[in-house]
Amino acid sequence: MFKNLLKITAVGALALTLTACSNEKKEENKVASVPTKTVIKVGATPVPHAEILEVIKPLLKEKGYELQIVEFTDYVTPNIAVDEGELDANFFQHEPYLNEFNANKNTSLVKTVNVHLEPMGIYSRKITAINELADNAVIAVPNDPTNESRALDILAKQGLLTFKDVPFKTALDIVENPKNITIKELDAPQLPRVLEEVDAAVINTNYALPAGLNPLNDAIVLESKDSPYANIVVVKKGNEDKDYIKALDEAITSETVKNFIQEKYKGAIIEAF
């Protein structure tokens, strides 16, 4: 009788142990299914980058992530913030700019996905067609290396200037200048504000739109759609395969974003995925 009681007690204890282990495994599985990182901080310039990021907040929330958007108005700070770990990612630049930034600043940043193309355009308050540009005209361009070179490429394609064969063009690389054009190099955010002071300016779309300039309607010349300057998501090297970055990439290249870009920007911005 006593032996049977011991057997029953032992079996009961074993059953309790197995049940406890089973419950522990279930709890472990529950914990494993919840993202360990729940907040994704992404730096962006206001238009259109922050606007596009706002669209994916609900998509990320469904996956257990809160998206925090940190807005910047320059092209340097958001890269430094990602490299130093203050931000998880940023969304404001194209790959040629990223490569030049890494080389000059000794940062370790990498692209994850292409999102959209913002065609750069030539704008003017004084002329309505590029063939109206007068001799000795002043044209303002962005002063960062990649965007200045990109702007000068647009002018070259219009037959206004020719350049030395160099990776990044500047005004110092002009070979032929039949109209004696003066190139005025300025910080990119300033360009819309100087339109009254110059004959024309080559402006990035993300600065044209907040100034009330629609690339399709207001640009007298618009960059070709086959431009290599797609805007990208950027992270610190080594983080590109993290679950939260994969979730971010999936959301920002979704049909939801594609439809938003097409409906919101009417061709002024083009999806690149």
C-alpha atoms as a PDB file:
ATOM      1  CA  MET A   1       0.000   0.000   0.000  1.00  0.00           C
ATOM      2  CA  PHE A   2       2.759   2.416   1.004  1.00  0.00           C
ATOM      3  CA  LYS A   3       4.759   1.510  -2.148  1.00  0.00           C
ATOM      4  CA  ASN A   4       1.716   2.178  -4.328  1.00  0.00           C
ATOM      5  CA  LEU A   5       1.259   5.547  -2.646  1.00  0.00           C
ATOM      6  CA  LEU A   6       4.890   6.426  -3.377  1.00  0.00           C
ATOM      7  CA  LYS A   7       4.398   5.456  -7.034  1.00  0.00           C
ATOM      8  CA  ILE A   8       1.282   7.595  -7.322  1.00  0.00           C
ATOM      9  CA  THR A   9       3.075  10.521  -5.671  1.00  0.00           C
ATOM     10  CA  ALA A  10       6.072  10.157  -7.998  1.00  0.00           C
ATOM     11  CA  VAL A  11       3.862   9.979 -11.083  1.00  0.00           C
ATOM     12  CA  GLY A  12       1.954  13.036  -9.934  1.00  0.00           C
ATOM     13  CA  ALA A  13       5.160  14.955  -9.324  1.00  0.00           C
ATOM     14  CA  LEU A  14       6.463  13.969 -12.755  1.00  0.00           C
ATOM     15  CA  ALA A  15       3.222  15.090 -14.376  1.00  0.00           C
ATOM     16  CA  LEU A  16       3.415  18.442 -12.586  1.00  0.00           C
ATOM     17  CA  THR A  17       7.039  18.826 -13.690  1.00  0.00           C
ATOM     18  CA  LEU A  18       6.173  18.029 -17.298  1.00  0.00           C
ATOM     19  CA  THR A  19       3.213  20.424 -17.194  1.00  0.00           C
ATOM     20  CA  ALA A  20       5.419  23.166 -15.742  1.00  0.00           C
ATOM     21  CA  CYS A  21       8.063  22.582 -18.403  1.00  0.00           C
ATOM     22  CA  SER A  22       5.386  22.635 -21.094  1.00  0.00           C
ATOM     23  CA  ASN A  23       4.000  25.909 -19.729  1.00  0.00           C
ATOM     24  CA  GLU A  24       7.510  27.369 -19.563  1.00  0.00           C
ATOM     25  CA  LYS A  25       8.110  26.449 -23.208  1.00  0.00           C
ATOM     26  CA  LYS A  26       4.798  28.040 -24.184  1.00  0.00           C
ATOM     27  CA  GLU A  27       5.778  31.199 -22.332  1.00  0.00           C
ATOM     28  CA  GLU A  28       9.196  31.130 -24.015  1.00  0.00           C
ATOM     29  CA  ASN A  29       7.514  30.807 -27.416  1.00  0.00           C
ATOM     30  CA  LYS A  30       5.235  33.721 -26.602  1.00  0.00           C
ATOM     31  CA  VAL A  31       8.215  35.849 -25.615  1.00  0.00           C
ATOM     32  CA  ALA A  32      10.115  34.790 -28.744  1.00  0.00           C
ATOM     33  CA  SER A  33       7.194  35.868 -30.979  1.00  0.00           C
ATOM     34  CA  VAL A  34       7.253  39.418 -29.585  1.00  0.00           C
ATOM     35  CA  PRO A  35       9.964  41.654 -31.128  1.00  0.00           C
ATOM     36  CA  THR A  36      12.740  42.348 -28.620  1.00  0.00           C
ATOM     37  CA  LYS A  37      13.092  45.822 -30.153  1.00  0.00           C
ATOM     38  CA  THR A  38       9.768  47.586 -30.457  1.00  0.00           C
ATOM     39  CA  VAL A  39      10.722  51.148 -31.430  1.00  0.00           C
ATOM     40  CA  ILE A  40      12.333  51.989 -34.787  1.00  0.00           C
ATOM     41  CA  LYS A  41      13.800  55.493 -35.041  1.00  0.00           C
ATOM     42  CA  VAL A  42      14.231  56.766 -38.591  1.00  0.00           C
ATOM     43  CA  GLY A  43      15.650  60.125 -39.652  1.00  0.00           C
ATOM     44  CA  ALA A  44      14.179  61.841 -42.699  1.00  0.00           C
ATOM     45  CA  THR A  45      13.806  65.148 -44.472  1.00  0.00           C
ATOM     46  CA  PRO A  46      10.207  66.420 -44.283  1.00  0.00           C
ATOM     47  CA  VAL A  47       8.923  66.111 -47.870  1.00  0.00           C
ATOM     48  CA  PRO A  48       8.417  63.535 -49.228  1.00  0.00           C
ATOM     49  CA  HIS A  49      10.417  61.235 -46.950  1.00  0.00           C
ATOM     50  CA  ALA A  50       8.644  61.884 -43.645  1.00  0.00           C
ATOM     51  CA  GLU A  51       5.294  61.835 -45.453  1.00  0.00           C
ATOM     52  CA  ILE A  52       6.041  58.393 -46.883  1.00  0.00           C
ATOM     53  CA  LEU A  53       7.183  57.130 -43.479  1.00  0.00           C
ATOM     54  CA  GLU A  54       3.908  58.286 -41.903  1.00  0.00           C
ATOM     55  CA  VAL A  55       2.087  55.935 -44.290  1.00  0.00           C
ATOM     56  CA  ILE A  56       3.916  52.858 -42.989  1.00  0.00           C
ATOM     57  CA  LYS A  57       3.310  53.466 -39.288  1.00  0.00           C
ATOM     58  CA  PRO A  58       0.168  51.259 -39.249  1.00  0.00           C
ATOM     59  CA  LEU A  59       1.954  48.530 -41.243  1.00  0.00           C
ATOM     60  CA  LEU A  60       4.766  48.396 -38.692  1.00  0.00           C
ATOM     61  CA  LYS A  61       2.359  48.579 -35.768  1.00  0.00           C
ATOM     62  CA  GLU A  62       0.739  45.365 -37.029  1.00  0.00           C
ATOM     63  CA  LYS A  63       4.164  43.721 -36.703  1.00  0.00           C
ATOM     64  CA  GLY A  64       4.708  44.994 -33.159  1.00  0.00           C
ATOM     65  CA  TYR A  65       6.846  48.040 -33.953  1.00  0.00           C
ATOM     66  CA  GLU A  66       6.395  51.718 -33.180  1.00  0.00           C
ATOM     67  CA  LEU A  67       7.923  53.952 -35.852  1.00  0.00           C
ATOM     68  CA  GLN A  68       9.407  57.226 -34.607  1.00  0.00           C
ATOM     69  CA  ILE A  69      10.222  59.751 -37.342  1.00  0.00           C
ATOM     70  CA  VAL A  70      12.942  62.310 -36.605  1.00  0.00           C
ATOM     71  CA  GLU A  71      12.944  65.158 -39.126  1.00  0.00           C
ATOM     72  CA  PHE A  72      16.078  66.894 -40.413  1.00  0.00           C
ATOM     73  CA  THR A  73      16.619  69.738 -42.869  1.00  0.00           C
ATOM     74  CA  ASP A  74      20.220  68.949 -43.779  1.00  0.00           C
ATOM     75  CA  TYR A  75      22.078  66.087 -45.460  1.00  0.00           C
ATOM     76  CA  VAL A  76      24.808  65.497 -42.863  1.00  0.00           C
ATOM     77  CA  THR A  77      23.256  65.099 -39.413  1.00  0.00           C
ATOM     78  CA  PRO A  78      20.998  62.097 -40.210  1.00  0.00           C
ATOM     79  CA  ASN A  79      23.966  60.059 -41.473  1.00  0.00           C
ATOM     80  CA  ILE A  80      26.089  60.874 -38.427  1.00  0.00           C
ATOM     81  CA  ALA A  81      23.136  59.961 -36.169  1.00  0.00           C
ATOM     82  CA  VAL A  82      22.793  56.520 -37.802  1.00  0.00           C
ATOM     83  CA  ASP A  83      26.521  55.873 -37.660  1.00  0.00           C
ATOM     84  CA  GLU A  84      26.604  56.774 -33.960  1.00  0.00           C
ATOM     85  CA  GLY A  85      23.544  54.643 -33.155  1.00  0.00           C
ATOM     86  CA  GLU A  86      21.180  57.486 -32.293  1.00  0.00           C
ATOM     87  CA  LEU A  87      18.954  56.446 -35.205  1.00  0.00           C
ATOM     88  CA  ASP A  88      18.217  52.959 -36.531  1.00  0.00           C
ATOM     89  CA  ALA A  89      17.965  54.142 -40.133  1.00  0.00           C
ATOM     90  CA  ASN A  90      17.519  57.175 -42.309  1.00  0.00           C
ATOM     91  CA  PHE A  91      15.668  57.944 -45.500  1.00  0.00           C
ATOM     92  CA  PHE A  92      16.656  61.058 -47.446  1.00  0.00           C
ATOM     93  CA  GLN A  93      19.568  60.336 -49.823  1.00  0.00           C
ATOM     94  CA  HIS A  94      20.626  58.505 -52.957  1.00  0.00           C
ATOM     95  CA  GLU A  95      23.454  55.978 -53.248  1.00  0.00           C
ATOM     96  CA  PRO A  96      26.058  58.225 -54.944  1.00  0.00           C
ATOM     97  CA  TYR A  97      25.702  60.688 -52.064  1.00  0.00           C
ATOM     98  CA  LEU A  98      25.982  57.842 -49.521  1.00  0.00           C
ATOM     99  CA  ASN A  99      29.157  56.508 -51.132  1.00  0.00           C
ATOM    100  CA  GLU A 100      30.748  59.950 -51.161  1.00  0.00           C
ATOM    101  CA  PHE A 101      29.712  60.541 -47.540  1.00  0.00           C
ATOM    102  CA  ASN A 102      31.218  57.240 -46.366  1.00  0.00           C
ATOM    103  CA  ALA A 103      34.479  58.022 -48.134  1.00  0.00           C
ATOM    104  CA  ASN A 104      34.783  61.536 -46.722  1.00  0.00           C
ATOM    105  CA  LYS A 105      33.446  60.950 -43.195  1.00  0.00           C
ATOM    106  CA  ASN A 106      34.846  57.446 -42.625  1.00  0.00           C
ATOM    107  CA  THR A 107      31.368  56.137 -41.778  1.00  0.00           C
ATOM    108  CA  SER A 108      30.084  52.583 -42.274  1.00  0.00           C
ATOM    109  CA  LEU A 109      26.609  53.045 -43.712  1.00  0.00           C
ATOM    110  CA  VAL A 110      24.875  50.770 -46.228  1.00  0.00           C
ATOM    111  CA  LYS A 111      21.810  50.839 -48.436  1.00  0.00           C
ATOM    112  CA  THR A 112      19.009  48.362 -47.808  1.00  0.00           C
ATOM    113  CA  VAL A 113      16.297  49.187 -50.412  1.00  0.00           C
ATOM    114  CA  ASN A 114      15.426  51.691 -53.145  1.00  0.00           C
ATOM    115  CA  VAL A 115      12.196  53.563 -52.439  1.00  0.00           C
ATOM    116  CA  HIS A 116      11.598  56.396 -54.905  1.00  0.00           C
ATOM    117  CA  LEU A 117      13.165  58.766 -57.400  1.00  0.00           C
ATOM    118  CA  GLU A 118      12.856  62.525 -57.052  1.00  0.00           C
ATOM    119  CA  PRO A 119      13.660  64.001 -60.451  1.00  0.00           C
ATOM    120  CA  MET A 120      15.855  67.087 -60.052  1.00  0.00           C
ATOM    121  CA  GLY A 121      14.608  70.070 -62.036  1.00  0.00           C
ATOM    122  CA  ILE A 122      15.655  73.471 -63.377  1.00  0.00           C
ATOM    123  CA  TYR A 123      13.335  76.231 -62.107  1.00  0.00           C
ATOM    124  CA  SER A 124      13.135  79.912 -62.962  1.00  0.00           C
ATOM    125  CA  ARG A 125      11.043  82.996 -62.223  1.00  0.00           C
ATOM    126  CA  LYS A 126      12.471  84.803 -65.250  1.00  0.00           C
ATOM    127  CA  ILE A 127      12.182  82.384 -68.163  1.00  0.00           C
ATOM    128  CA  THR A 128       9.709  79.698 -69.190  1.00  0.00           C
ATOM    129  CA  ALA A 129      11.996  77.615 -71.434  1.00  0.00           C
ATOM    130  CA  ILE A 130      15.674  76.784 -71.256  1.00  0.00           C
ATOM    131  CA  ASN A 131      16.347  78.264 -74.710  1.00  0.00           C
ATOM    132  CA  GLU A 132      15.383  81.675 -73.305  1.00  0.00           C
ATOM    133  CA  LEU A 133      18.399  81.688 -70.994  1.00  0.00           C
ATOM    134  CA  ALA A 134      20.425  84.847 -71.679  1.00  0.00           C
ATOM    135  CA  ASP A 135      24.177  85.273 -71.890  1.00  0.00           C
ATOM    136  CA  ASN A 136      25.904  85.893 -68.536  1.00  0.00           C
ATOM    137  CA  ALA A 137      23.041  84.156 -66.698  1.00  0.00           C
ATOM    138  CA  VAL A 138      23.455  83.059 -63.070  1.00  0.00           C
ATOM    139  CA  ILE A 139      22.345  79.516 -62.214  1.00  0.00           C
ATOM    140  CA  ALA A 140      22.256  78.278 -58.619  1.00  0.00           C
ATOM    141  CA  VAL A 141      23.059  74.632 -57.847  1.00  0.00           C
ATOM    142  CA  PRO A 142      23.413  72.513 -54.667  1.00  0.00           C
ATOM    143  CA  ASN A 143      26.882  72.728 -53.123  1.00  0.00           C
ATOM    144  CA  ASP A 144      27.277  69.143 -51.870  1.00  0.00           C
ATOM    145  CA  PRO A 145      29.519  67.131 -54.232  1.00  0.00           C
ATOM    146  CA  THR A 146      27.093  64.540 -55.590  1.00  0.00           C
ATOM    147  CA  ASN A 147      24.091  66.815 -56.026  1.00  0.00           C
ATOM    148  CA  GLU A 148      26.191  69.570 -57.583  1.00  0.00           C
ATOM    149  CA  SER A 149      27.596  67.076 -60.079  1.00  0.00           C
ATOM    150  CA  ARG A 150      24.088  65.777 -60.736  1.00  0.00           C
ATOM    151  CA  ALA A 151      22.809  69.330 -61.326  1.00  0.00           C
ATOM    152  CA  LEU A 152      25.693  70.143 -63.667  1.00  0.00           C
ATOM    153  CA  ASP A 153      24.967  66.943 -65.631  1.00  0.00           C
ATOM    154  CA  ILE A 154      21.461  68.289 -66.276  1.00  0.00           C
ATOM    155  CA  LEU A 155      22.892  71.585 -67.548  1.00  0.00           C
ATOM    156  CA  ALA A 156      25.376  69.694 -69.720  1.00  0.00           C
ATOM    157  CA  LYS A 157      22.581  67.609 -71.272  1.00  0.00           C
ATOM    158  CA  GLN A 158      20.904  70.877 -72.279  1.00  0.00           C
ATOM    159  CA  GLY A 159      24.053  71.860 -74.181  1.00  0.00           C
ATOM    160  CA  LEU A 160      24.777  74.791 -71.872  1.00  0.00           C
ATOM    161  CA  LEU A 161      28.161  73.597 -70.590  1.00  0.00           C
ATOM    162  CA  THR A 162      30.790  70.923 -71.139  1.00  0.00           C
ATOM    163  CA  PHE A 163      33.028  69.463 -68.445  1.00  0.00           C
ATOM    164  CA  LYS A 164      36.216  67.569 -67.798  1.00  0.00           C
ATOM    165  CA  ASP A 165      35.724  63.822 -67.369  1.00  0.00           C
ATOM    166  CA  VAL A 166      35.754  63.673 -63.549  1.00  0.00           C
ATOM    167  CA  PRO A 167      33.687  61.641 -61.031  1.00  0.00           C
ATOM    168  CA  PHE A 168      32.153  64.710 -59.366  1.00  0.00           C
ATOM    169  CA  LYS A 169      31.827  67.860 -61.439  1.00  0.00           C
ATOM    170  CA  THR A 170      32.114  71.389 -60.046  1.00  0.00           C
ATOM    171  CA  ALA A 171      32.223  74.812 -61.680  1.00  0.00           C
ATOM    172  CA  LEU A 172      36.007  74.473 -61.742  1.00  0.00           C
ATOM    173  CA  ASP A 173      35.664  71.581 -64.207  1.00  0.00           C
ATOM    174  CA  ILE A 174      33.878  73.595 -66.914  1.00  0.00           C
ATOM    175  CA  VAL A 175      35.575  73.288 -70.308  1.00  0.00           C
ATOM    176  CA  GLU A 176      33.152  75.135 -72.598  1.00  0.00           C
ATOM    177  CA  ASN A 177      30.731  77.842 -71.469  1.00  0.00           C
ATOM    178  CA  PRO A 178      29.375  79.568 -74.594  1.00  0.00           C
ATOM    179  CA  LYS A 179      26.812  81.674 -72.696  1.00  0.00           C
ATOM    180  CA  ASN A 180      29.329  82.653 -70.000  1.00  0.00           C
ATOM    181  CA  ILE A 181      27.054  81.233 -67.313  1.00  0.00           C
ATOM    182  CA  THR A 182      27.963  81.831 -63.669  1.00  0.00           C
ATOM    183  CA  ILE A 183      27.392  78.827 -61.389  1.00  0.00           C
ATOM    184  CA  LYS A 184      26.348  79.847 -57.869  1.00  0.00           C
ATOM    185  CA  GLU A 185      26.865  77.052 -55.313  1.00  0.00           C
ATOM    186  CA  LEU A 186      24.486  77.137 -52.325  1.00  0.00           C
ATOM    187  CA  ASP A 187      23.169  74.847 -49.580  1.00  0.00           C
ATOM    188  CA  ALA A 188      20.356  72.782 -51.114  1.00  0.00           C
ATOM    189  CA  PRO A 189      17.594  74.103 -48.775  1.00  0.00           C
ATOM    190  CA  GLN A 190      18.385  77.701 -49.849  1.00  0.00           C
ATOM    191  CA  LEU A 191      17.799  77.160 -53.556  1.00  0.00           C
ATOM    192  CA  PRO A 192      14.015  77.797 -53.694  1.00  0.00           C
ATOM    193  CA  ARG A 193      14.517  81.020 -51.711  1.00  0.00           C
ATOM    194  CA  VAL A 194      16.955  82.535 -54.225  1.00  0.00           C
ATOM    195  CA  LEU A 195      14.843  82.043 -57.355  1.00  0.00           C
ATOM    196  CA  GLU A 196      14.056  85.766 -57.502  1.00  0.00           C
ATOM    197  CA  GLU A 197      17.762  86.599 -57.340  1.00  0.00           C
ATOM    198  CA  VAL A 198      19.122  84.253 -60.038  1.00  0.00           C
ATOM    199  CA  ASP A 199      18.159  83.409 -63.592  1.00  0.00           C
ATOM    200  CA  ALA A 200      17.554  79.751 -62.734  1.00  0.00           C
ATOM    201  CA  ALA A 201      18.227  77.158 -60.059  1.00  0.00           C
ATOM    202  CA  VAL A 202      18.603  73.384 -60.143  1.00  0.00           C
ATOM    203  CA  ILE A 203      16.591  72.126 -57.168  1.00  0.00           C
ATOM    204  CA  ASN A 204      16.051  68.745 -55.515  1.00  0.00           C
ATOM    205  CA  THR A 205      12.374  67.761 -55.436  1.00  0.00           C
ATOM    206  CA  ASN A 206      12.327  67.382 -51.643  1.00  0.00           C
ATOM    207  CA  TYR A 207      13.115  71.102 -51.386  1.00  0.00           C
ATOM    208  CA  ALA A 208      10.997  72.156 -54.367  1.00  0.00           C
ATOM    209  CA  LEU A 209       7.754  70.650 -53.052  1.00  0.00           C
ATOM    210  CA  PRO A 210       7.670  72.469 -49.664  1.00  0.00           C
ATOM    211  CA  ALA A 211       8.325  75.731 -51.568  1.00  0.00           C
ATOM    212  CA  GLY A 212       5.191  75.177 -53.627  1.00  0.00           C
ATOM    213  CA  LEU A 213       7.051  74.096 -56.758  1.00  0.00           C
ATOM    214  CA  ASN A 214       5.580  71.125 -58.614  1.00  0.00           C
ATOM    215  CA  PRO A 215       8.268  69.445 -60.740  1.00  0.00           C
ATOM    216  CA  LEU A 216       5.825  68.392 -63.464  1.00  0.00           C
ATOM    217  CA  ASN A 217       4.237  71.832 -63.789  1.00  0.00           C
ATOM    218  CA  ASP A 218       6.934  74.284 -62.747  1.00  0.00           C
ATOM    219  CA  ALA A 219      10.291  72.863 -63.846  1.00  0.00           C
ATOM    220  CA  ILE A 220      11.465  74.133 -67.222  1.00  0.00           C
ATOM    221  CA  VAL A 221      13.715  71.041 -67.453  1.00  0.00           C
ATOM    222  CA  LEU A 222      13.168  67.805 -65.509  1.00  0.00           C
ATOM    223  CA  GLU A 223      15.710  65.056 -64.955  1.00  0.00           C
ATOM    224  CA  SER A 224      15.159  61.881 -66.944  1.00  0.00           C
ATOM    225  CA  LYS A 225      13.274  59.030 -65.258  1.00  0.00           C
ATOM    226  CA  ASP A 226      16.194  56.673 -65.938  1.00  0.00           C
ATOM    227  CA  SER A 227      18.346  58.589 -63.429  1.00  0.00           C
ATOM    228  CA  PRO A 228      20.442  56.413 -61.065  1.00  0.00           C
ATOM    229  CA  TYR A 229      19.619  58.655 -58.104  1.00  0.00           C
ATOM    230  CA  ALA A 230      16.879  56.651 -56.367  1.00  0.00           C
ATOM    231  CA  ASN A 231      16.303  57.562 -52.723  1.00  0.00           C
ATOM    232  CA  ILE A 232      17.177  54.753 -50.329  1.00  0.00           C
ATOM    233  CA  VAL A 233      16.879  53.449 -46.781  1.00  0.00           C
ATOM    234  CA  VAL A 234      20.268  53.534 -45.038  1.00  0.00           C
ATOM    235  CA  VAL A 235      21.471  51.720 -41.895  1.00  0.00           C
ATOM    236  CA  LYS A 236      24.756  51.126 -40.136  1.00  0.00           C
ATOM    237  CA  LYS A 237      26.698  48.212 -41.619  1.00  0.00           C
ATOM    238  CA  GLY A 238      25.881  45.027 -39.717  1.00  0.00           C
ATOM    239  CA  ASN A 239      22.269  46.015 -39.005  1.00  0.00           C
ATOM    240  CA  GLU A 240      20.858  45.407 -42.484  1.00  0.00           C
ATOM    241  CA  ASP A 241      19.661  41.876 -41.609  1.00  0.00           C
ATOM    242  CA  LYS A 242      18.111  42.746 -38.249  1.00  0.00           C
ATOM    243  CA  ASP A 243      14.427  41.811 -37.961  1.00  0.00           C
ATOM    244  CA  TYR A 244      13.284  45.384 -37.362  1.00  0.00           C
ATOM    245  CA  ILE A 245      15.138  46.639 -40.440  1.00  0.00           C
ATOM    246  CA  LYS A 246      13.653  43.842 -42.546  1.00  0.00           C
ATOM    247  CA  ALA A 247      10.223  44.882 -41.285  1.00  0.00           C
ATOM    248  CA  LEU A 248      10.957  48.521 -42.153  1.00  0.00           C
ATOM    249  CA  ASP A 249      12.150  47.590 -45.660  1.00  0.00           C
ATOM    250  CA  GLU A 250       9.128  45.408 -46.314  1.00  0.00           C
ATOM    251  CA  ALA A 251       6.726  48.131 -45.222  1.00  0.00           C
ATOM    252  CA  ILE A 252       8.364  50.938 -47.201  1.00  0.00           C
ATOM    253  CA  THR A 253       8.379  48.906 -50.427  1.00  0.00           C
ATOM    254  CA  SER A 254       4.774  47.728 -50.064  1.00  0.00           C
ATOM    255  CA  GLU A 255       1.822  48.230 -52.398  1.00  0.00           C
ATOM    256  CA  THR A 256       0.469  50.688 -49.833  1.00  0.00           C
ATOM    257  CA  VAL A 257       3.459  52.967 -50.356  1.00  0.00           C
ATOM    258  CA  LYS A 258       3.425  52.520 -54.141  1.00  0.00           C
ATOM    259  CA  ASN A 259      -0.226  53.591 -54.278  1.00  0.00           C
ATOM    260  CA  PHE A 260       0.426  56.524 -51.949  1.00  0.00           C
ATOM    261  CA  ILE A 261       3.312  57.820 -54.085  1.00  0.00           C
ATOM    262  CA  GLN A 262       1.274  57.569 -57.276  1.00  0.00           C
ATOM    263  CA  GLU A 263      -1.814  59.241 -55.814  1.00  0.00           C
ATOM    264  CA  LYS A 264      -0.091  61.892 -53.694  1.00  0.00           C
ATOM    265  CA  TYR A 265       2.675  63.096 -56.002  1.00  0.00           C
ATOM    266  CA  LYS A 266       1.113  62.526 -59.440  1.00  0.00           C
ATOM    267  CA  GLY A 267       4.404  61.617 -61.117  1.00  0.00           C
ATOM    268  CA  ALA A 268       6.535  64.295 -59.430  1.00  0.00           C
ATOM    269  CA  ILE A 269       7.980  61.412 -57.413  1.00  0.00           C
ATOM    270  CA  ILE A 270       8.274  57.914 -58.840  1.00  0.00           C
ATOM    271  CA  GLU A 271       8.449  54.617 -56.951  1.00  0.00           C
ATOM    272  CA  ALA A 272      11.749  52.799 -57.473  1.00  0.00           C
ATOM    273  CA  PHE A 273      10.874  49.292 -56.295  1.00  0.00           C
END
